[in-house]
């Protein structure tokens, strides 16, 4: 499939949603941090997820996962 729109692309939007939907499965694998909230910014140029975390000491942290699809003509064949 030729990608026409990259800002954001359908692949970027889809994978941001998939990972956000896997919150419970991701939480099960973290022995140290609790996921307090996930903000899905899938309409931005390069979609991202902002995960708000809290560790066992009660300290708050943020983790940002950004999605960038390379243009089709840059992907190694």
PDB file of N, CA and C in Angstrom:
ATOM      1  N   UNK A   1       0.844  -1.173   0.000  1.00  0.00           N
ATOM      2  CA  UNK A   1       0.000   0.000   0.000  1.00  0.00           C
ATOM      3  C   UNK A   1       0.893   1.241   0.000  1.00  0.00           C
ATOM      4  N   UNK A   2       0.670   2.117  -0.922  1.00  0.00           N
ATOM      5  CA  UNK A   2       1.394   3.395  -0.972  1.00  0.00           C
ATOM      6  C   UNK A   2       0.816   4.335   0.060  1.00  0.00           C
ATOM      7  N   UNK A   3       1.684   4.886   0.886  1.00  0.00           N
ATOM      8  CA  UNK A   3       1.250   5.876   1.865  1.00  0.00           C
ATOM      9  C   UNK A   3       1.282   7.239   1.209  1.00  0.00           C
ATOM     10  N   UNK A   4       0.180   7.960   1.297  1.00  0.00           N
ATOM     11  CA  UNK A   4       0.080   9.280   0.698  1.00  0.00           C
ATOM     12  C   UNK A   4       0.246  10.362   1.756  1.00  0.00           C
ATOM     13  N   UNK A   5      -0.368  10.145   2.930  1.00  0.00           N
ATOM     14  CA  UNK A   5      -0.323  11.136   4.001  1.00  0.00           C
ATOM     15  C   UNK A   5       0.531  10.602   5.152  1.00  0.00           C
ATOM     16  N   UNK A   6       1.529  11.378   5.540  1.00  0.00           N
ATOM     17  CA  UNK A   6       2.420  10.984   6.626  1.00  0.00           C
ATOM     18  C   UNK A   6       2.227  11.823   7.886  1.00  0.00           C
ATOM     19  N   UNK A   7       1.337  12.768   7.871  1.00  0.00           N
ATOM     20  CA  UNK A   7       1.259  13.733   8.971  1.00  0.00           C
ATOM     21  C   UNK A   7      -0.109  13.813   9.608  1.00  0.00           C
ATOM     22  N   UNK A   8      -0.563  12.893  10.391  1.00  0.00           N
ATOM     23  CA  UNK A   8       0.043  11.605  10.697  1.00  0.00           C
ATOM     24  C   UNK A   8      -0.404  10.539   9.692  1.00  0.00           C
ATOM     25  N   UNK A   9       0.366   9.480   9.609  1.00  0.00           N
ATOM     26  CA  UNK A   9      -0.013   8.391   8.706  1.00  0.00           C
ATOM     27  C   UNK A   9      -0.975   7.446   9.430  1.00  0.00           C
ATOM     28  N   UNK A  10      -1.709   6.676   8.653  1.00  0.00           N
ATOM     29  CA  UNK A  10      -2.652   5.720   9.242  1.00  0.00           C
ATOM     30  C   UNK A  10      -1.929   4.662  10.072  1.00  0.00           C
ATOM     31  N   UNK A  11      -0.713   4.295   9.649  1.00  0.00           N
ATOM     32  CA  UNK A  11       0.071   3.313  10.408  1.00  0.00           C
ATOM     33  C   UNK A  11       0.463   3.884  11.767  1.00  0.00           C
ATOM     34  N   UNK A  12       0.904   5.133  11.797  1.00  0.00           N
ATOM     35  CA  UNK A  12       1.271   5.775  13.064  1.00  0.00           C
ATOM     36  C   UNK A  12       0.074   5.817  14.013  1.00  0.00           C
ATOM     37  N   UNK A  13      -1.073   6.215  13.491  1.00  0.00           N
ATOM     38  CA  UNK A  13      -2.289   6.309  14.301  1.00  0.00           C
ATOM     39  C   UNK A  13      -2.693   4.931  14.826  1.00  0.00           C
ATOM     40  N   UNK A  14      -2.640   3.936  13.946  1.00  0.00           N
ATOM     41  CA  UNK A  14      -3.049   2.583  14.326  1.00  0.00           C
ATOM     42  C   UNK A  14      -2.165   2.027  15.443  1.00  0.00           C
ATOM     43  N   UNK A  15      -0.847   2.170  15.305  1.00  0.00           N
ATOM     44  CA  UNK A  15       0.037   1.592  16.309  1.00  0.00           C
ATOM     45  C   UNK A  15       0.012   2.355  17.628  1.00  0.00           C
ATOM     46  N   UNK A  16      -0.226   3.650  17.587  1.00  0.00           N
ATOM     47  CA  UNK A  16      -0.401   4.406  18.832  1.00  0.00           C
ATOM     48  C   UNK A  16      -1.626   3.868  19.578  1.00  0.00           C
ATOM     49  N   UNK A  17      -2.704   3.622  18.860  1.00  0.00           N
ATOM     50  CA  UNK A  17      -3.920   3.094  19.481  1.00  0.00           C
ATOM     51  C   UNK A  17      -3.694   1.683  20.011  1.00  0.00           C
ATOM     52  N   UNK A  18      -3.027   0.841  19.236  1.00  0.00           N
ATOM     53  CA  UNK A  18      -2.773  -0.543  19.664  1.00  0.00           C
ATOM     54  C   UNK A  18      -1.994  -0.561  20.979  1.00  0.00           C
ATOM     55  N   UNK A  19      -0.936   0.224  21.047  1.00  0.00           N
ATOM     56  CA  UNK A  19      -0.110   0.222  22.253  1.00  0.00           C
ATOM     57  C   UNK A  19      -0.878   0.817  23.432  1.00  0.00           C
ATOM     58  N   UNK A  20      -1.641   1.880  23.201  1.00  0.00           N
ATOM     59  CA  UNK A  20      -2.454   2.448  24.282  1.00  0.00           C
ATOM     60  C   UNK A  20      -3.475   1.411  24.786  1.00  0.00           C
ATOM     61  N   UNK A  21      -4.040   0.635  23.874  1.00  0.00           N
ATOM     62  CA  UNK A  21      -5.018  -0.385  24.254  1.00  0.00           C
ATOM     63  C   UNK A  21      -4.389  -1.550  25.027  1.00  0.00           C
ATOM     64  N   UNK A  22      -3.062  -1.697  24.925  1.00  0.00           N
ATOM     65  CA  UNK A  22      -2.358  -2.776  25.629  1.00  0.00           C
ATOM     66  C   UNK A  22      -1.927  -2.367  27.036  1.00  0.00           C
ATOM     67  N   UNK A  23      -2.511  -1.308  27.547  1.00  0.00           N
ATOM     68  CA  UNK A  23      -2.135  -0.769  28.862  1.00  0.00           C
ATOM     69  C   UNK A  23      -2.100  -1.844  29.948  1.00  0.00           C
ATOM     70  N   UNK A  24      -3.137  -2.636  30.051  1.00  0.00           N
ATOM     71  CA  UNK A  24      -3.204  -3.652  31.109  1.00  0.00           C
ATOM     72  C   UNK A  24      -2.112  -4.701  30.958  1.00  0.00           C
ATOM     73  N   UNK A  25      -1.838  -5.139  29.729  1.00  0.00           N
ATOM     74  CA  UNK A  25      -0.800  -6.137  29.505  1.00  0.00           C
ATOM     75  C   UNK A  25       0.585  -5.562  29.813  1.00  0.00           C
ATOM     76  N   UNK A  26       0.804  -4.299  29.450  1.00  0.00           N
ATOM     77  CA  UNK A  26       2.072  -3.640  29.750  1.00  0.00           C
ATOM     78  C   UNK A  26       2.224  -3.500  31.260  1.00  0.00           C
ATOM     79  N   UNK A  27       1.153  -3.114  31.937  1.00  0.00           N
ATOM     80  CA  UNK A  27       1.190  -2.937  33.400  1.00  0.00           C
ATOM     81  C   UNK A  27       1.597  -4.228  34.096  1.00  0.00           C
ATOM     82  N   UNK A  28       1.089  -5.360  33.637  1.00  0.00           N
ATOM     83  CA  UNK A  28       1.406  -6.652  34.240  1.00  0.00           C
ATOM     84  C   UNK A  28       2.901  -6.951  34.189  1.00  0.00           C
ATOM     85  N   UNK A  29       3.597  -6.413  33.199  1.00  0.00           N
ATOM     86  CA  UNK A  29       5.018  -6.707  33.011  1.00  0.00           C
ATOM     87  C   UNK A  29       5.936  -5.750  33.767  1.00  0.00           C
ATOM     88  N   UNK A  30       5.383  -4.700  34.349  1.00  0.00           N
ATOM     89  CA  UNK A  30       6.199  -3.733  35.087  1.00  0.00           C
ATOM     90  C   UNK A  30       6.117  -4.026  36.580  1.00  0.00           C
ATOM     91  N   UNK A  31       7.253  -4.412  37.157  1.00  0.00           N
ATOM     92  CA  UNK A  31       7.296  -4.720  38.580  1.00  0.00           C
ATOM     93  C   UNK A  31       7.517  -3.472  39.428  1.00  0.00           C
ATOM     94  N   UNK A  32       7.910  -2.365  38.809  1.00  0.00           N
ATOM     95  CA  UNK A  32       8.315  -1.178  39.554  1.00  0.00           C
ATOM     96  C   UNK A  32       7.339  -0.013  39.401  1.00  0.00           C
ATOM     97  N   UNK A  33       6.745   0.154  38.223  1.00  0.00           N
ATOM     98  CA  UNK A  33       5.916   1.329  37.946  1.00  0.00           C
ATOM     99  C   UNK A  33       4.456   0.965  37.713  1.00  0.00           C
ATOM    100  N   UNK A  34       3.582   1.870  38.140  1.00  0.00           N
ATOM    101  CA  UNK A  34       2.154   1.764  37.861  1.00  0.00           C
ATOM    102  C   UNK A  34       1.820   2.801  36.796  1.00  0.00           C
ATOM    103  N   UNK A  35       1.081   2.390  35.773  1.00  0.00           N
ATOM    104  CA  UNK A  35       0.635   3.331  34.752  1.00  0.00           C
ATOM    105  C   UNK A  35      -0.579   4.060  35.314  1.00  0.00           C
ATOM    106  N   UNK A  36      -0.427   5.352  35.557  1.00  0.00           N
ATOM    107  CA  UNK A  36      -1.504   6.168  36.110  1.00  0.00           C
ATOM    108  C   UNK A  36      -2.433   6.630  35.002  1.00  0.00           C
ATOM    109  N   UNK A  37      -1.851   6.986  33.844  1.00  0.00           N
ATOM    110  CA  UNK A  37      -2.644   7.520  32.737  1.00  0.00           C
ATOM    111  C   UNK A  37      -1.848   7.387  31.441  1.00  0.00           C
ATOM    112  N   UNK A  38      -2.562   7.257  30.340  1.00  0.00           N
ATOM    113  CA  UNK A  38      -1.951   7.306  29.004  1.00  0.00           C
ATOM    114  C   UNK A  38      -2.724   8.331  28.196  1.00  0.00           C
ATOM    115  N   UNK A  39      -2.000   9.310  27.651  1.00  0.00           N
ATOM    116  CA  UNK A  39      -2.608  10.293  26.761  1.00  0.00           C
ATOM    117  C   UNK A  39      -2.180   9.946  25.342  1.00  0.00           C
ATOM    118  N   UNK A  40      -3.161   9.732  24.474  1.00  0.00           N
ATOM    119  CA  UNK A  40      -2.895   9.368  23.086  1.00  0.00           C
ATOM    120  C   UNK A  40      -3.046  10.614  22.218  1.00  0.00           C
ATOM    121  N   UNK A  41      -1.917  11.124  21.736  1.00  0.00           N
ATOM    122  CA  UNK A  41      -1.901  12.295  20.856  1.00  0.00           C
ATOM    123  C   UNK A  41      -1.741  11.828  19.411  1.00  0.00           C
ATOM    124  N   UNK A  42      -2.733  11.105  18.904  1.00  0.00           N
ATOM    125  CA  UNK A  42      -2.597  10.485  17.585  1.00  0.00           C
ATOM    126  C   UNK A  42      -2.950  11.415  16.428  1.00  0.00           C
ATOM    127  N   UNK A  43      -3.397  12.634  16.718  1.00  0.00           N
ATOM    128  CA  UNK A  43      -3.707  13.548  15.619  1.00  0.00           C
ATOM    129  C   UNK A  43      -2.543  14.484  15.312  1.00  0.00           C
ATOM    130  N   UNK A  44      -1.473  14.420  16.084  1.00  0.00           N
ATOM    131  CA  UNK A  44      -0.309  15.276  15.852  1.00  0.00           C
ATOM    132  C   UNK A  44       0.492  14.782  14.663  1.00  0.00           C
ATOM    133  N   UNK A  45       1.382  15.639  14.153  1.00  0.00           N
ATOM    134  CA  UNK A  45       2.232  15.302  13.018  1.00  0.00           C
ATOM    135  C   UNK A  45       2.957  13.981  13.261  1.00  0.00           C
ATOM    136  N   UNK A  46       3.659  13.856  14.349  1.00  0.00           N
ATOM    137  CA  UNK A  46       4.265  12.588  14.751  1.00  0.00           C
ATOM    138  C   UNK A  46       3.555  12.169  16.035  1.00  0.00           C
ATOM    139  N   UNK A  47       2.565  11.276  15.893  1.00  0.00           N
ATOM    140  CA  UNK A  47       1.771  10.889  17.050  1.00  0.00           C
ATOM    141  C   UNK A  47       2.645  10.408  18.205  1.00  0.00           C
ATOM    142  N   UNK A  48       2.162  10.626  19.423  1.00  0.00           N
ATOM    143  CA  UNK A  48       2.888  10.115  20.570  1.00  0.00           C
ATOM    144  C   UNK A  48       1.911   9.692  21.652  1.00  0.00           C
ATOM    145  N   UNK A  49       2.428   8.863  22.528  1.00  0.00           N
ATOM    146  CA  UNK A  49       1.721   8.474  23.730  1.00  0.00           C
ATOM    147  C   UNK A  49       2.496   9.051  24.900  1.00  0.00           C
ATOM    148  N   UNK A  50       1.800   9.644  25.848  1.00  0.00           N
ATOM    149  CA  UNK A  50       2.431  10.122  27.064  1.00  0.00           C
ATOM    150  C   UNK A  50       1.935   9.225  28.190  1.00  0.00           C
ATOM    151  N   UNK A  51       2.865   8.468  28.771  1.00  0.00           N
ATOM    152  CA  UNK A  51       2.526   7.581  29.874  1.00  0.00           C
ATOM    153  C   UNK A  51       2.924   8.255  31.174  1.00  0.00           C
ATOM    154  N   UNK A  52       1.953   8.437  32.052  1.00  0.00           N
ATOM    155  CA  UNK A  52       2.231   8.971  33.390  1.00  0.00           C
ATOM    156  C   UNK A  52       2.358   7.773  34.310  1.00  0.00           C
ATOM    157  N   UNK A  53       3.511   7.701  34.958  1.00  0.00           N
ATOM    158  CA  UNK A  53       3.844   6.552  35.789  1.00  0.00           C
ATOM    159  C   UNK A  53       4.062   6.974  37.229  1.00  0.00           C
ATOM    160  N   UNK A  54       3.894   6.023  38.132  1.00  0.00           N
ATOM    161  CA  UNK A  54       4.236   6.241  39.533  1.00  0.00           C
ATOM    162  C   UNK A  54       5.009   5.010  40.002  1.00  0.00           C
ATOM    163  N   UNK A  55       6.200   5.255  40.582  1.00  0.00           N
ATOM    164  CA  UNK A  55       6.995   4.124  41.049  1.00  0.00           C
ATOM    165  C   UNK A  55       6.594   3.729  42.467  1.00  0.00           C
ATOM    166  N   UNK A  56       7.244   2.680  42.993  1.00  0.00           N
ATOM    167  CA  UNK A  56       6.863   2.161  44.303  1.00  0.00           C
ATOM    168  C   UNK A  56       7.108   3.142  45.437  1.00  0.00           C
ATOM    169  N   UNK A  57       7.991   4.133  45.205  1.00  0.00           N
ATOM    170  CA  UNK A  57       8.254   5.154  46.220  1.00  0.00           C
ATOM    171  C   UNK A  57       7.262   6.309  46.132  1.00  0.00           C
ATOM    172  N   UNK A  58       6.354   6.266  45.153  1.00  0.00           N
ATOM    173  CA  UNK A  58       5.379   7.331  44.982  1.00  0.00           C
ATOM    174  C   UNK A  58       5.857   8.454  44.079  1.00  0.00           C
ATOM    175  N   UNK A  59       7.080   8.323  43.523  1.00  0.00           N
ATOM    176  CA  UNK A  59       7.595   9.339  42.596  1.00  0.00           C
ATOM    177  C   UNK A  59       6.867   9.234  41.263  1.00  0.00           C
ATOM    178  N   UNK A  60       6.576  10.378  40.674  1.00  0.00           N
ATOM    179  CA  UNK A  60       5.863  10.426  39.399  1.00  0.00           C
ATOM    180  C   UNK A  60       6.863  10.613  38.254  1.00  0.00           C
ATOM    181  N   UNK A  61       6.598   9.945  37.136  1.00  0.00           N
ATOM    182  CA  UNK A  61       7.464   9.999  35.958  1.00  0.00           C
ATOM    183  C   UNK A  61       6.599  10.071  34.701  1.00  0.00           C
ATOM    184  N   UNK A  62       7.186  10.566  33.617  1.00  0.00           N
ATOM    185  CA  UNK A  62       6.516  10.549  32.308  1.00  0.00           C
ATOM    186  C   UNK A  62       7.423   9.858  31.304  1.00  0.00           C
ATOM    187  N   UNK A  63       6.816   9.057  30.478  1.00  0.00           N
ATOM    188  CA  UNK A  63       7.510   8.381  29.393  1.00  0.00           C
ATOM    189  C   UNK A  63       6.758   8.721  28.118  1.00  0.00           C
ATOM    190  N   UNK A  64       7.476   9.180  27.093  1.00  0.00           N
ATOM    191  CA  UNK A  64       6.842   9.550  25.830  1.00  0.00           C
ATOM    192  C   UNK A  64       7.304   8.578  24.750  1.00  0.00           C
ATOM    193  N   UNK A  65       6.341   7.988  24.068  1.00  0.00           N
ATOM    194  CA  UNK A  65       6.625   7.098  22.941  1.00  0.00           C
ATOM    195  C   UNK A  65       6.127   7.808  21.693  1.00  0.00           C
ATOM    196  N   UNK A  66       7.035   8.062  20.760  1.00  0.00           N
ATOM    197  CA  UNK A  66       6.667   8.787  19.540  1.00  0.00           C
ATOM    198  C   UNK A  66       6.713   7.838  18.342  1.00  0.00           C
ATOM    199  N   UNK A  67       5.770   8.025  17.424  1.00  0.00           N
ATOM    200  CA  UNK A  67       5.646   7.168  16.245  1.00  0.00           C
ATOM    201  C   UNK A  67       5.987   7.976  15.004  1.00  0.00           C
ATOM    202  N   UNK A  68       6.967   7.493  14.242  1.00  0.00           N
ATOM    203  CA  UNK A  68       7.376   8.175  13.010  1.00  0.00           C
ATOM    204  C   UNK A  68       7.507   7.122  11.918  1.00  0.00           C
ATOM    205  N   UNK A  69       6.699   7.268  10.888  1.00  0.00           N
ATOM    206  CA  UNK A  69       6.807   6.370   9.735  1.00  0.00           C
ATOM    207  C   UNK A  69       7.727   7.018   8.716  1.00  0.00           C
ATOM    208  N   UNK A  70       8.705   6.259   8.268  1.00  0.00           N
ATOM    209  CA  UNK A  70       9.581   6.769   7.212  1.00  0.00           C
ATOM    210  C   UNK A  70       8.855   6.742   5.873  1.00  0.00           C
ATOM    211  N   UNK A  71       9.113   7.733   5.040  1.00  0.00           N
ATOM    212  CA  UNK A  71       8.513   7.710   3.699  1.00  0.00           C
ATOM    213  C   UNK A  71       8.889   6.431   2.954  1.00  0.00           C
ATOM    214  N   UNK A  72       7.964   5.933   2.150  1.00  0.00           N
ATOM    215  CA  UNK A  72       8.170   4.658   1.451  1.00  0.00           C
ATOM    216  C   UNK A  72       9.473   4.627   0.651  1.00  0.00           C
ATOM    217  N   UNK A  73       9.874   5.749   0.052  1.00  0.00           N
ATOM    218  CA  UNK A  73      11.068   5.733  -0.775  1.00  0.00           C
ATOM    219  C   UNK A  73      12.360   5.717   0.042  1.00  0.00           C
ATOM    220  N   UNK A  74      12.279   5.826   1.371  1.00  0.00           N
ATOM    221  CA  UNK A  74      13.461   5.755   2.228  1.00  0.00           C
ATOM    222  C   UNK A  74      13.631   4.386   2.895  1.00  0.00           C
ATOM    223  N   UNK A  75      12.615   3.560   2.778  1.00  0.00           N
ATOM    224  CA  UNK A  75      12.673   2.248   3.409  1.00  0.00           C
ATOM    225  C   UNK A  75      13.547   1.325   2.562  1.00  0.00           C
ATOM    226  N   UNK A  76      14.497   0.656   3.232  1.00  0.00           N
ATOM    227  CA  UNK A  76      15.405  -0.267   2.516  1.00  0.00           C
ATOM    228  C   UNK A  76      14.616  -1.405   1.903  1.00  0.00           C
ATOM    229  N   UNK A  77      14.963  -1.724   0.680  1.00  0.00           N
ATOM    230  CA  UNK A  77      14.256  -2.805  -0.027  1.00  0.00           C
ATOM    231  C   UNK A  77      15.104  -4.030  -0.098  1.00  0.00           C
TER     232      UNK A  77
END
